[in-house]
């Protein structure tokens, strides 16, 4: 066949594939709006309050998606952590609830004197729970129901300690090489587009890496002195010596207003801690680890040494930066056949005859933790796993983040959502570029009820007055234990989407999003909760 004919055929096949993956335009049902119904009248009154003069979007439907009420339901809003319902639903559907990932340590067989010639490599593939976290994850409500209490904190580096112990059992007494932390299974993109630079210091803004240890954050405690005027001390857990702490915090009398400030410049390992802390009132927070793969290598080296294994080299990271120049938006919007994928997984760069492995908890277990706690890093790792498994079959140059967003987008299109109703640049909602119409959220929530993974997925949604990020909201009847929804807060944006049990005995779906509320106030949250109460009472 002539070359031109081959090219024409390839073009036709590509066009047919793209057409097959691009659903027909979505017909949107009409949402009753305004004060024409009892529910609409109540909501109109709530939104007329001067304290609620923000930009509101509301969609309410039955479980099968039939509209009950709408207010600007087709307009864009920043979803904040409501993004996580889209990411986790795609993960449950595509990766499957029982799926796991494996973290490997590879090293060379020791000689007669116990020397392993060459580097030892810790290779990540997206396990979000290499930490002291207990699984299955249990909320306080779970523990009350079973009559148990939370166990004492586990060693956050327990799995690295197990790796080191097993290296020692293999007869290794000396490693003639470096300790490498490799996250090269994915492209190294620690921060998605439009994450706030001021978030990078804190645990909730921890960088993303295929090799993630202890949620890529350290628990920081500033302990006041025993007398006012004296300097406080600071410590981190786990302490591997990764950061240098510069502490200039003075102790003030008990019950006195105190402020602790923390500063770490991007890329720096110097953490400045200054301000005041009240006597008898330690200050606690989480700070992000600058380079998770490097930290993991350092932590493994420390554990090897604790097991009497000498390491001659250094601890260092191994990254694979993206080289694709296509651009995030274009790459993430390309049609995709979700029945195929590369599944890049973890790998060893050299011939490594000895391998130790650690298997993660199931995806369903991690999704429950992710939704209950609104854990940003875990959601981002799910997005990366989706991109690595179902994205471009030649991922060596493609952005794993963009491929993950592409997979989520195609999943949502296949589920019947309108592609013009959502734009995602990350998996957690930390990006200010993320945009969602409330009608897209309720459409996904309705779709989820028809899926085999729904029951397991819904158990992860926070429960009003009970657990997760809704523990202190809806604390009394009739809403306590009857609101199952994902929260979201980002700057002056807030969202709440999920299911609510109504006075009639039926359950309905709702999505409430608000932008541009007044900084430093909770008036929008109060109004939002009143709207949920109105929905429950009216329906």
Protein backbone atom coordinates (compact mmCIF):
# COMPACT_ATOMS: atom_id res chain seq x y z
CA UNK A 1 0.00 0.00 0.00
CA UNK A 2 1.40 3.44 -0.88
CA UNK A 3 2.60 5.58 2.02
CA UNK A 4 -0.09 8.19 1.35
CA UNK A 5 -2.81 5.53 1.54
CA UNK A 6 -1.42 4.26 4.84
CA UNK A 7 -1.43 7.82 6.18
CA UNK A 8 -5.03 8.38 5.03
CA UNK A 9 -6.16 5.12 6.63
CA UNK A 10 -4.42 5.99 9.87
CA UNK A 11 -6.10 9.38 9.88
CA UNK A 12 -9.53 7.85 9.33
CA UNK A 13 -9.01 5.26 12.07
CA UNK A 14 -7.84 7.96 14.48
CA UNK A 15 -10.87 10.09 13.64
CA UNK A 16 -13.22 7.13 14.19
CA UNK A 17 -11.59 6.33 17.54
CA UNK A 18 -11.89 9.95 18.66
CA UNK A 19 -15.50 10.05 17.58
CA UNK A 20 -16.23 6.85 19.49
CA UNK A 21 -14.75 8.35 22.64
CA UNK A 22 -16.54 11.70 22.38
CA UNK A 23 -20.12 11.37 23.67
CA UNK A 24 -22.96 13.21 22.02
CA UNK A 25 -23.95 16.63 23.43
CA UNK A 26 -25.68 16.35 26.80
CA UNK A 27 -29.29 17.49 27.06
CA UNK A 28 -29.75 19.21 30.40
CA UNK A 29 -33.12 18.88 32.14
CA UNK A 30 -34.78 22.07 33.39
CA UNK A 31 -34.27 22.83 37.04
CA UNK A 32 -37.16 24.55 38.86
CA UNK A 33 -35.75 27.82 40.17
CA UNK A 34 -36.76 30.93 42.05
CA UNK A 35 -39.42 31.16 44.80
CA UNK A 36 -42.07 29.27 42.83
CA UNK A 37 -41.93 26.21 45.09
CA UNK A 38 -41.89 25.98 48.92
CA UNK A 39 -38.24 24.91 48.83
CA UNK A 40 -37.37 27.66 46.35
CA UNK A 41 -39.07 30.25 48.56
CA UNK A 42 -37.05 29.16 51.60
CA UNK A 43 -33.79 29.22 49.68
CA UNK A 44 -34.60 32.62 48.17
CA UNK A 45 -35.09 34.00 51.69
CA UNK A 46 -31.78 32.55 52.85
CA UNK A 47 -29.89 33.95 49.85
CA UNK A 48 -31.49 37.37 50.35
CA UNK A 49 -29.75 37.69 53.72
CA UNK A 50 -27.04 40.41 53.46
CA UNK A 51 -24.59 37.96 55.03
CA UNK A 52 -25.10 35.66 52.03
CA UNK A 53 -24.39 38.11 49.22
CA UNK A 54 -21.85 35.78 47.65
CA UNK A 55 -22.09 33.94 44.32
CA UNK A 56 -24.18 30.81 44.89
CA UNK A 57 -24.79 27.70 42.81
CA UNK A 58 -27.26 25.03 43.93
CA UNK A 59 -28.58 21.83 42.36
CA UNK A 60 -30.98 19.38 44.02
CA UNK A 61 -32.25 16.17 42.42
CA UNK A 62 -33.83 12.85 43.22
CA UNK A 63 -31.55 9.80 43.36
CA UNK A 64 -32.28 9.11 39.69
CA UNK A 65 -31.23 12.65 38.74
CA UNK A 66 -34.65 14.25 38.29
CA UNK A 67 -34.28 17.99 39.08
CA UNK A 68 -35.96 19.34 42.20
CA UNK A 69 -34.40 22.80 42.45
CA UNK A 70 -31.64 24.82 40.83
CA UNK A 71 -29.95 28.18 41.25
CA UNK A 72 -27.18 29.01 38.75
CA UNK A 73 -26.60 25.26 38.62
CA UNK A 74 -24.94 25.49 35.22
CA UNK A 75 -22.38 28.16 36.13
CA UNK A 76 -18.76 27.50 37.06
CA UNK A 77 -17.57 27.48 40.67
CA UNK A 78 -14.31 26.48 42.30
CA UNK A 79 -15.10 23.06 43.75
CA UNK A 80 -12.26 23.02 46.29
CA UNK A 81 -12.21 19.55 47.87
CA UNK A 82 -15.47 18.60 46.14
CA UNK A 83 -13.02 17.72 43.38
CA UNK A 84 -12.25 14.59 45.41
CA UNK A 85 -15.66 13.04 44.70
CA UNK A 86 -14.81 13.06 40.97
CA UNK A 87 -11.29 11.70 41.45
CA UNK A 88 -12.27 8.96 43.89
CA UNK A 89 -15.28 7.87 41.83
CA UNK A 90 -13.06 7.48 38.77
CA UNK A 91 -10.55 5.52 40.84
CA UNK A 92 -13.19 3.18 42.25
CA UNK A 93 -14.63 2.56 38.79
CA UNK A 94 -11.39 2.12 36.87
CA UNK A 95 -8.73 0.96 39.31
CA UNK A 96 -11.29 -1.16 41.23
CA UNK A 97 -11.92 -1.14 45.01
CA UNK A 98 -9.67 -4.12 45.78
CA UNK A 99 -6.64 -2.90 43.82
CA UNK A 100 -3.30 -2.36 45.54
CA UNK A 101 0.14 -1.04 44.62
CA UNK A 102 3.56 -2.37 45.55
CA UNK A 103 6.61 -0.53 46.87
CA UNK A 104 9.92 -2.30 46.28
CA UNK A 105 13.43 -2.24 47.70
CA UNK A 106 16.06 -3.67 45.36
CA UNK A 107 19.71 -4.36 46.17
CA UNK A 108 22.56 -6.61 45.13
CA UNK A 109 23.31 -9.97 46.68
CA UNK A 110 25.97 -9.61 49.38
CA UNK A 111 29.37 -11.19 49.10
CA UNK A 112 30.79 -13.58 51.71
CA UNK A 113 31.77 -10.66 53.95
CA UNK A 114 28.27 -9.17 53.79
CA UNK A 115 29.02 -6.39 51.31
CA UNK A 116 26.37 -5.47 48.76
CA UNK A 117 28.16 -3.84 45.86
CA UNK A 118 25.99 -1.10 44.36
CA UNK A 119 23.12 1.16 45.23
CA UNK A 120 20.03 0.09 47.17
CA UNK A 121 16.86 1.53 45.64
CA UNK A 122 13.47 2.20 47.21
CA UNK A 123 10.98 2.49 44.36
CA UNK A 124 7.49 3.91 44.80
CA UNK A 125 4.38 3.28 42.73
CA UNK A 126 1.86 5.51 44.47
CA UNK A 127 1.21 3.90 47.87
CA UNK A 128 -0.30 6.73 49.93
CA UNK A 129 -0.05 4.85 53.21
CA UNK A 130 3.59 4.08 53.93
CA UNK A 131 3.14 5.46 57.41
CA UNK A 132 1.87 4.61 60.88
CA UNK A 133 -1.75 4.82 59.74
CA UNK A 134 -3.90 1.90 60.89
CA UNK A 135 -6.04 0.01 58.36
CA UNK A 136 -8.86 -0.61 57.92
CA UNK A 137 -9.33 3.09 58.61
CA UNK A 138 -11.77 3.62 61.48
CA UNK A 139 -13.63 6.76 62.48
CA UNK A 140 -14.60 7.54 66.07
CA UNK A 141 -18.10 6.32 65.18
CA UNK A 142 -16.67 3.01 63.98
CA UNK A 143 -14.84 2.59 67.25
CA UNK A 144 -17.89 3.42 69.33
CA UNK A 145 -19.90 0.85 67.42
CA UNK A 146 -17.35 -1.90 68.03
CA UNK A 147 -16.45 -0.78 71.57
CA UNK A 148 -12.75 -0.20 70.85
CA UNK A 149 -10.35 2.69 71.30
CA UNK A 150 -7.63 4.00 69.03
CA UNK A 151 -4.33 2.11 69.40
CA UNK A 152 -1.19 3.98 70.49
CA UNK A 153 0.61 5.75 67.63
CA UNK A 154 2.69 3.40 65.52
CA UNK A 155 6.19 4.12 64.26
CA UNK A 156 5.55 6.29 61.18
CA UNK A 157 8.60 4.66 59.55
CA UNK A 158 7.55 1.12 60.47
CA UNK A 159 7.56 -0.19 56.90
CA UNK A 160 11.00 1.22 56.17
CA UNK A 161 12.17 -0.45 59.37
CA UNK A 162 10.78 -3.75 58.06
CA UNK A 163 12.63 -3.25 54.79
CA UNK A 164 15.88 -2.58 56.65
CA UNK A 165 15.39 -5.59 58.93
CA UNK A 166 14.87 -7.85 55.91
CA UNK A 167 17.95 -6.46 54.16
CA UNK A 168 19.91 -7.39 57.27
CA UNK A 169 18.33 -10.87 57.26
CA UNK A 170 19.56 -11.26 53.69
CA UNK A 171 23.10 -11.14 55.10
CA UNK A 172 23.95 -7.54 54.21
CA UNK A 173 26.32 -5.78 56.63
CA UNK A 174 27.63 -3.10 54.29
CA UNK A 175 26.18 -1.31 51.26
CA UNK A 176 28.88 -0.09 48.91
CA UNK A 177 26.76 2.55 47.23
CA UNK A 178 24.00 5.10 47.69
CA UNK A 179 20.48 4.81 49.04
CA UNK A 180 18.17 5.95 46.24
CA UNK A 181 14.57 7.00 46.64
CA UNK A 182 13.02 6.61 43.18
CA UNK A 183 9.70 8.14 42.18
CA UNK A 184 10.57 7.75 38.49
CA UNK A 185 7.58 5.48 37.88
CA UNK A 186 5.76 8.76 37.19
CA UNK A 187 6.89 12.10 35.87
CA UNK A 188 8.00 14.32 38.74
CA UNK A 189 5.45 17.10 39.06
CA UNK A 190 5.28 17.91 42.78
CA UNK A 191 2.87 20.83 42.42
CA UNK A 192 -0.05 20.97 39.95
CA UNK A 193 -0.87 24.20 38.17
CA UNK A 194 -2.25 27.08 40.28
CA UNK A 195 -1.47 25.65 43.70
CA UNK A 196 -0.84 28.56 46.07
CA UNK A 197 2.82 29.10 46.89
CA UNK A 198 1.84 29.92 50.47
CA UNK A 199 0.37 26.41 50.81
CA UNK A 200 3.68 24.68 50.07
CA UNK A 201 4.89 25.03 53.68
CA UNK A 202 2.04 23.07 55.21
CA UNK A 203 1.10 19.41 55.33
CA UNK A 204 -2.09 19.93 53.33
CA UNK A 205 0.06 21.32 50.50
CA UNK A 206 2.63 18.52 50.55
CA UNK A 207 4.28 17.79 47.18
CA UNK A 208 3.22 14.79 45.08
CA UNK A 209 5.55 11.89 44.48
CA UNK A 210 5.22 8.26 43.41
CA UNK A 211 7.34 7.56 46.49
CA UNK A 212 5.41 9.11 49.35
CA UNK A 213 6.28 8.47 53.00
CA UNK A 214 4.32 9.59 56.11
CA UNK A 215 1.95 11.65 53.93
CA UNK A 216 4.98 13.71 52.83
CA UNK A 217 4.70 15.74 56.02
CA UNK A 218 6.27 15.99 59.46
CA UNK A 219 4.39 16.58 62.70
CA UNK A 220 5.83 19.75 64.24
CA UNK A 221 5.42 20.58 67.94
CA UNK A 222 6.52 23.82 69.57
CA UNK A 223 6.78 23.18 73.31
CA UNK A 224 6.64 26.19 75.65
CA UNK A 225 9.19 26.61 78.42
CA UNK A 226 8.18 26.12 82.04
CA UNK A 227 8.29 29.83 82.75
CA UNK A 228 7.21 32.94 80.83
CA UNK A 229 9.91 34.80 78.96
CA UNK A 230 12.01 31.73 78.21
CA UNK A 231 12.49 30.31 74.72
CA UNK A 232 10.37 27.41 73.58
CA UNK A 233 11.73 24.31 71.87
CA UNK A 234 10.59 22.61 68.66
CA UNK A 235 10.67 19.03 67.40
CA UNK A 236 9.40 17.00 64.45
CA UNK A 237 8.16 13.43 64.06
CA UNK A 238 9.64 11.48 62.42
CA UNK A 239 12.99 13.17 63.00
CA UNK A 240 15.58 12.06 60.48
CA UNK A 241 17.54 15.30 60.49
CA UNK A 242 15.97 16.28 57.17
CA UNK A 243 15.20 19.86 58.23
CA UNK A 244 17.20 22.36 60.22
CA UNK A 245 14.93 24.08 62.73
CA UNK A 246 15.65 27.69 63.66
CA UNK A 247 13.52 28.48 66.74
CA UNK A 248 12.87 31.95 68.14
CA UNK A 249 9.61 31.46 70.02
CA UNK A 250 9.10 33.06 73.42
CA UNK A 251 6.88 31.63 76.13
CA UNK A 252 4.08 33.89 77.36
CA UNK A 253 1.78 33.38 80.38
CA UNK A 254 -0.98 30.78 80.13
CA UNK A 255 -4.27 31.89 78.56
CA UNK A 256 -2.45 34.71 76.76
CA UNK A 257 -2.93 35.26 73.04
CA UNK A 258 -0.01 33.65 71.22
CA UNK A 259 1.04 33.36 67.59
CA UNK A 260 3.53 30.94 66.07
CA UNK A 261 4.74 31.67 62.56
CA UNK A 262 6.57 29.23 60.30
CA UNK A 263 8.60 30.11 57.25
CA UNK A 264 10.37 27.84 54.77
CA UNK A 265 11.44 29.16 51.41
CA UNK A 266 10.74 26.93 48.37
CA UNK A 267 13.47 24.32 48.03
CA UNK A 268 15.04 25.21 51.37
CA UNK A 269 15.63 22.82 54.28
CA UNK A 270 15.75 25.62 56.83
CA UNK A 271 12.52 26.01 58.79
CA UNK A 272 12.21 29.28 60.70
CA UNK A 273 9.84 29.18 63.66
CA UNK A 274 9.16 32.43 65.49
CA UNK A 275 6.56 34.23 67.59
CA UNK A 276 5.04 33.34 70.93
CA UNK A 277 3.51 30.25 72.54
CA UNK A 278 1.46 30.16 75.74
CA UNK A 279 2.73 28.37 78.82
CA UNK A 280 1.30 24.86 79.04
CA UNK A 281 -0.23 25.08 75.55
CA UNK A 282 2.02 23.41 72.94
CA UNK A 283 1.53 24.45 69.33
CA UNK A 284 1.14 21.60 66.83
CA UNK A 285 0.93 21.54 63.06
CA UNK A 286 2.19 19.63 60.01
CA UNK A 287 4.88 20.87 57.65
CA UNK A 288 5.46 19.55 54.15
CA UNK A 289 8.56 17.59 53.17
CA UNK A 290 10.43 19.40 50.40
CA UNK A 291 11.44 16.33 48.34
CA UNK A 292 9.56 13.18 49.40
CA UNK A 293 11.77 10.74 47.48
CA UNK A 294 14.92 12.24 48.99
CA UNK A 295 13.38 12.12 52.46
CA UNK A 296 12.38 8.48 51.95
CA UNK A 297 15.94 7.62 50.93
CA UNK A 298 17.31 9.41 53.98
CA UNK A 299 14.84 7.64 56.26
CA UNK A 300 15.72 4.23 54.80
CA UNK A 301 19.42 4.95 55.24
CA UNK A 302 18.78 5.79 58.90
CA UNK A 303 16.85 2.54 59.40
CA UNK A 304 19.60 0.52 57.69
CA UNK A 305 22.15 2.02 60.05
CA UNK A 306 19.93 1.22 63.03
CA UNK A 307 20.06 -2.41 61.89
CA UNK A 308 23.88 -2.27 61.90
CA UNK A 309 24.22 -1.95 58.14
CA UNK A 310 26.97 0.44 57.05
CA UNK A 311 26.16 2.64 54.06
CA UNK A 312 29.13 4.19 52.29
CA UNK A 313 27.18 6.47 49.98
CA UNK A 314 24.59 9.21 50.30
CA UNK A 315 20.81 9.28 50.33
CA UNK A 316 19.46 10.81 47.14
CA UNK A 317 16.33 11.09 45.00
CA UNK A 318 15.79 9.83 41.49
CA UNK A 319 13.18 11.77 39.50
CA UNK A 320 11.86 11.66 35.93
CA UNK A 321 10.81 15.15 34.80
CA UNK A 322 8.18 15.49 32.07
CA UNK A 323 9.42 16.53 28.64
CA UNK A 324 6.13 16.80 26.81
CA UNK A 325 5.46 20.28 25.39
CA UNK A 326 1.84 19.79 24.42
CA UNK A 327 0.43 21.78 27.35
CA UNK A 328 -1.73 20.60 30.24
CA UNK A 329 -5.13 21.76 29.02
CA UNK A 330 -4.78 20.31 25.54
CA UNK A 331 -3.26 17.05 26.77
CA UNK A 332 -5.91 16.54 29.47
CA UNK A 333 -8.76 17.13 27.00
CA UNK A 334 -7.72 14.63 24.33
CA UNK A 335 -10.26 11.81 23.84
CA UNK A 336 -9.17 8.52 25.39
CA UNK A 337 -10.08 4.85 25.12
CA UNK A 338 -10.29 3.73 28.75
CA UNK A 339 -10.15 0.06 27.84
CA UNK A 340 -6.40 0.28 27.26
CA UNK A 341 -3.53 1.82 29.15
CA UNK A 342 0.17 1.62 29.83
CA UNK A 343 0.10 0.70 33.54
CA UNK A 344 3.67 1.87 33.94
CA UNK A 345 3.93 0.72 37.58
CA UNK A 346 7.19 0.52 39.48
CA UNK A 347 10.41 -0.73 38.00
CA UNK A 348 14.11 -1.24 38.68
CA UNK A 349 16.55 0.73 36.56
CA UNK A 350 19.39 -1.77 36.96
CA UNK A 351 19.67 -5.55 37.19
CA UNK A 352 18.63 -6.02 40.79
CA UNK A 353 18.59 -9.71 41.75
CA UNK A 354 17.17 -9.21 45.26
CA UNK A 355 13.85 -7.53 45.85
CA UNK A 356 11.70 -6.84 48.91
CA UNK A 357 8.09 -5.72 48.53
CA UNK A 358 5.38 -4.01 50.56
CA UNK A 359 1.76 -4.12 49.40
CA UNK A 360 -0.54 -1.17 50.09
CA UNK A 361 -4.00 -1.27 51.66
CA UNK A 362 -6.83 -1.63 49.14
CA UNK A 363 -7.97 1.34 47.14
CA UNK A 364 -11.38 1.27 48.86
CA UNK A 365 -9.71 1.56 52.26
CA UNK A 366 -7.64 4.50 51.09
CA UNK A 367 -10.63 6.21 49.45
CA UNK A 368 -12.49 6.11 52.78
CA UNK A 369 -9.60 7.85 54.53
CA UNK A 370 -9.19 10.31 51.65
CA UNK A 371 -12.83 11.41 51.72
CA UNK A 372 -13.31 11.43 55.49
CA UNK A 373 -10.18 13.50 56.16
CA UNK A 374 -10.17 15.35 52.82
CA UNK A 375 -6.57 14.22 52.37
CA UNK A 376 -5.12 16.17 49.45
CA UNK A 377 -2.02 14.07 48.81
CA UNK A 378 -3.99 10.82 48.69
CA UNK A 379 -6.38 12.25 46.09
CA UNK A 380 -3.43 13.43 43.98
CA UNK A 381 -1.82 9.99 44.15
CA UNK A 382 -5.07 8.43 42.92
CA UNK A 383 -5.06 10.85 39.98
CA UNK A 384 -1.48 9.87 39.17
CA UNK A 385 -2.29 6.17 39.39
CA UNK A 386 -5.13 6.68 36.91
CA UNK A 387 -2.84 8.57 34.55
CA UNK A 388 -0.10 5.94 34.79
CA UNK A 389 -2.43 3.00 34.16
CA UNK A 390 -4.95 4.35 31.65
CA UNK A 391 -3.20 7.33 30.11
CA UNK A 392 -0.97 7.65 27.08
CA UNK A 393 0.67 4.31 26.21
CA UNK A 394 4.02 6.09 25.82
CA UNK A 395 4.25 7.85 29.22
CA UNK A 396 7.98 8.55 29.19
CA UNK A 397 7.41 12.12 28.06
CA UNK A 398 3.79 12.76 28.97
CA UNK A 399 2.74 14.52 32.16
CA UNK A 400 1.29 11.90 34.50
CA UNK A 401 -0.80 14.65 36.10
CA UNK A 402 -2.29 15.71 32.77
CA UNK A 403 -2.88 12.08 31.83
CA UNK A 404 -4.67 11.55 35.15
CA UNK A 405 -6.91 14.55 34.51
CA UNK A 406 -7.51 13.20 31.01
CA UNK A 407 -8.60 9.82 32.41
CA UNK A 408 -10.96 11.42 34.94
CA UNK A 409 -12.41 13.61 32.22
CA UNK A 410 -13.08 10.68 29.90
CA UNK A 411 -14.61 8.68 32.75
CA UNK A 412 -16.99 11.54 33.48
CA UNK A 413 -17.90 11.95 29.82
CA UNK A 414 -18.62 8.25 29.60
CA UNK A 415 -20.78 8.57 32.74
CA UNK A 416 -22.95 11.12 30.94
CA UNK A 417 -21.60 14.41 32.29
CA UNK A 418 -21.34 17.46 30.05
CA UNK A 419 -17.70 18.14 29.20
CA UNK A 420 -18.40 21.87 29.40
CA UNK A 421 -19.47 21.54 33.04
CA UNK A 422 -16.06 20.76 34.58
CA UNK A 423 -12.36 21.52 34.24
CA UNK A 424 -9.79 19.79 36.46
CA UNK A 425 -6.10 20.58 36.83
CA UNK A 426 -5.50 18.31 39.83
CA UNK A 427 -7.14 15.58 41.85
CA UNK A 428 -7.71 17.28 45.20
CA UNK A 429 -9.19 20.70 44.40
CA UNK A 430 -6.19 22.70 45.57
CA UNK A 431 -5.80 24.26 42.13
CA UNK A 432 -7.61 27.56 41.67
CA UNK A 433 -7.98 26.61 37.99
CA UNK A 434 -10.48 23.85 38.83
CA UNK A 435 -14.05 24.70 37.84
CA UNK A 436 -17.29 22.74 38.26
CA UNK A 437 -20.98 23.42 37.70
CA UNK A 438 -23.20 22.12 40.54
CA UNK A 439 -25.29 20.17 38.03
CA UNK A 440 -22.16 18.18 37.15
CA UNK A 441 -21.71 17.18 40.79
CA UNK A 442 -25.29 15.97 41.20
CA UNK A 443 -25.11 14.13 37.89
CA UNK A 444 -22.05 12.22 39.11
CA UNK A 445 -23.69 11.53 42.48
CA UNK A 446 -26.76 10.13 40.69
CA UNK A 447 -24.59 8.02 38.37
CA UNK A 448 -22.66 6.63 41.34
CA UNK A 449 -25.84 5.20 42.91
CA UNK A 450 -26.17 2.81 39.95
CA UNK A 451 -22.63 1.43 40.19
CA UNK A 452 -21.36 -1.73 41.94
CA UNK A 453 -18.74 0.29 43.86
CA UNK A 454 -21.28 2.79 45.24
CA UNK A 455 -21.78 1.29 48.71
CA UNK A 456 -18.04 1.17 49.42
CA UNK A 457 -17.53 4.66 48.02
CA UNK A 458 -20.41 6.21 49.96
CA UNK A 459 -19.04 4.90 53.27
CA UNK A 460 -16.16 7.32 52.77
CA UNK A 461 -18.33 10.42 52.68
CA UNK A 462 -18.27 12.40 55.95
CA UNK A 463 -21.42 11.99 58.03
CA UNK A 464 -23.10 15.05 59.53
CA UNK A 465 -22.50 15.47 63.27
CA UNK A 466 -20.52 12.24 63.31
CA UNK A 467 -17.17 12.02 61.58
CA UNK A 468 -14.67 13.38 59.10
CA UNK A 469 -14.94 16.99 58.02
CA UNK A 470 -18.65 17.07 58.96
CA UNK A 471 -18.06 16.01 62.55
CA UNK A 472 -18.95 19.43 63.98
CA UNK A 473 -21.65 20.30 61.42
CA UNK A 474 -25.30 19.19 61.58
CA UNK A 475 -24.78 18.08 65.21
CA UNK A 476 -28.46 17.62 66.17
CA UNK A 477 -31.58 15.89 64.87
CA UNK A 478 -33.01 15.65 62.33
CA UNK A 479 -29.80 16.10 60.28
CA UNK A 480 -27.30 14.39 62.58
CA UNK A 481 -26.29 11.10 60.94
CA UNK A 482 -28.47 11.93 57.92
CA UNK A 483 -26.14 14.08 55.78
CA UNK A 484 -23.51 12.22 53.74
CA UNK A 485 -21.46 14.77 51.87
CA UNK A 486 -18.04 16.00 50.81
CA UNK A 487 -16.93 19.37 52.07
CA UNK A 488 -14.68 21.84 50.27
CA UNK A 489 -12.88 25.02 51.27
CA UNK A 490 -10.35 26.98 49.22
CA UNK A 491 -9.73 30.66 49.88
CA UNK A 492 -13.07 32.42 49.48
CA UNK A 493 -14.77 29.38 47.94
CA UNK A 494 -16.76 26.69 49.68
CA UNK A 495 -18.71 23.61 48.55
CA UNK A 496 -20.81 20.78 49.94
CA UNK A 497 -22.14 17.96 47.77
CA UNK A 498 -23.74 14.64 48.67
CA UNK A 499 -26.89 12.97 49.91
CA UNK A 500 -29.41 13.91 52.62
CA UNK A 501 -32.22 11.96 54.23
CA UNK A 502 -35.44 14.01 54.08
CA UNK A 503 -38.51 14.35 56.28
CA UNK A 504 -40.51 12.28 53.80
CA UNK A 505 -38.18 9.35 54.29
CA UNK A 506 -36.62 9.60 50.85
CA UNK A 507 -33.03 10.55 50.12
CA UNK A 508 -32.08 13.29 47.65
CA UNK A 509 -28.89 14.57 46.06
CA UNK A 510 -27.61 18.11 46.47
CA UNK A 511 -24.63 20.25 45.51
CA UNK A 512 -24.12 23.71 46.97
CA UNK A 513 -21.17 25.85 45.87
CA UNK A 514 -20.27 29.41 46.75
CA UNK A 515 -17.55 31.73 45.49
CA UNK A 516 -16.31 35.11 46.62
CA UNK A 517 -17.54 35.04 50.19
CA UNK A 518 -16.10 37.57 52.61
CA UNK A 519 -12.64 36.57 53.86
CA UNK A 520 -12.37 35.40 57.43
CA UNK A 521 -16.09 34.75 57.94
CA UNK A 522 -18.23 31.63 58.18
CA UNK A 523 -21.53 33.27 57.18
CA UNK A 524 -21.58 31.35 53.92
CA UNK A 525 -21.09 28.03 55.72
CA UNK A 526 -23.94 28.84 58.10
CA UNK A 527 -26.22 29.70 55.17
CA UNK A 528 -25.11 26.58 53.34
CA UNK A 529 -26.10 24.37 56.27
CA UNK A 530 -29.46 26.15 56.52
CA UNK A 531 -30.06 25.36 52.84
CA UNK A 532 -29.37 21.66 53.51
CA UNK A 533 -31.85 21.79 56.40
CA UNK A 534 -34.44 23.42 54.14
CA UNK A 535 -33.96 20.71 51.51
CA UNK A 536 -34.36 17.95 54.11
CA UNK A 537 -37.51 19.53 55.57
CA UNK A 538 -39.18 20.29 52.23
CA UNK A 539 -38.53 16.99 50.50
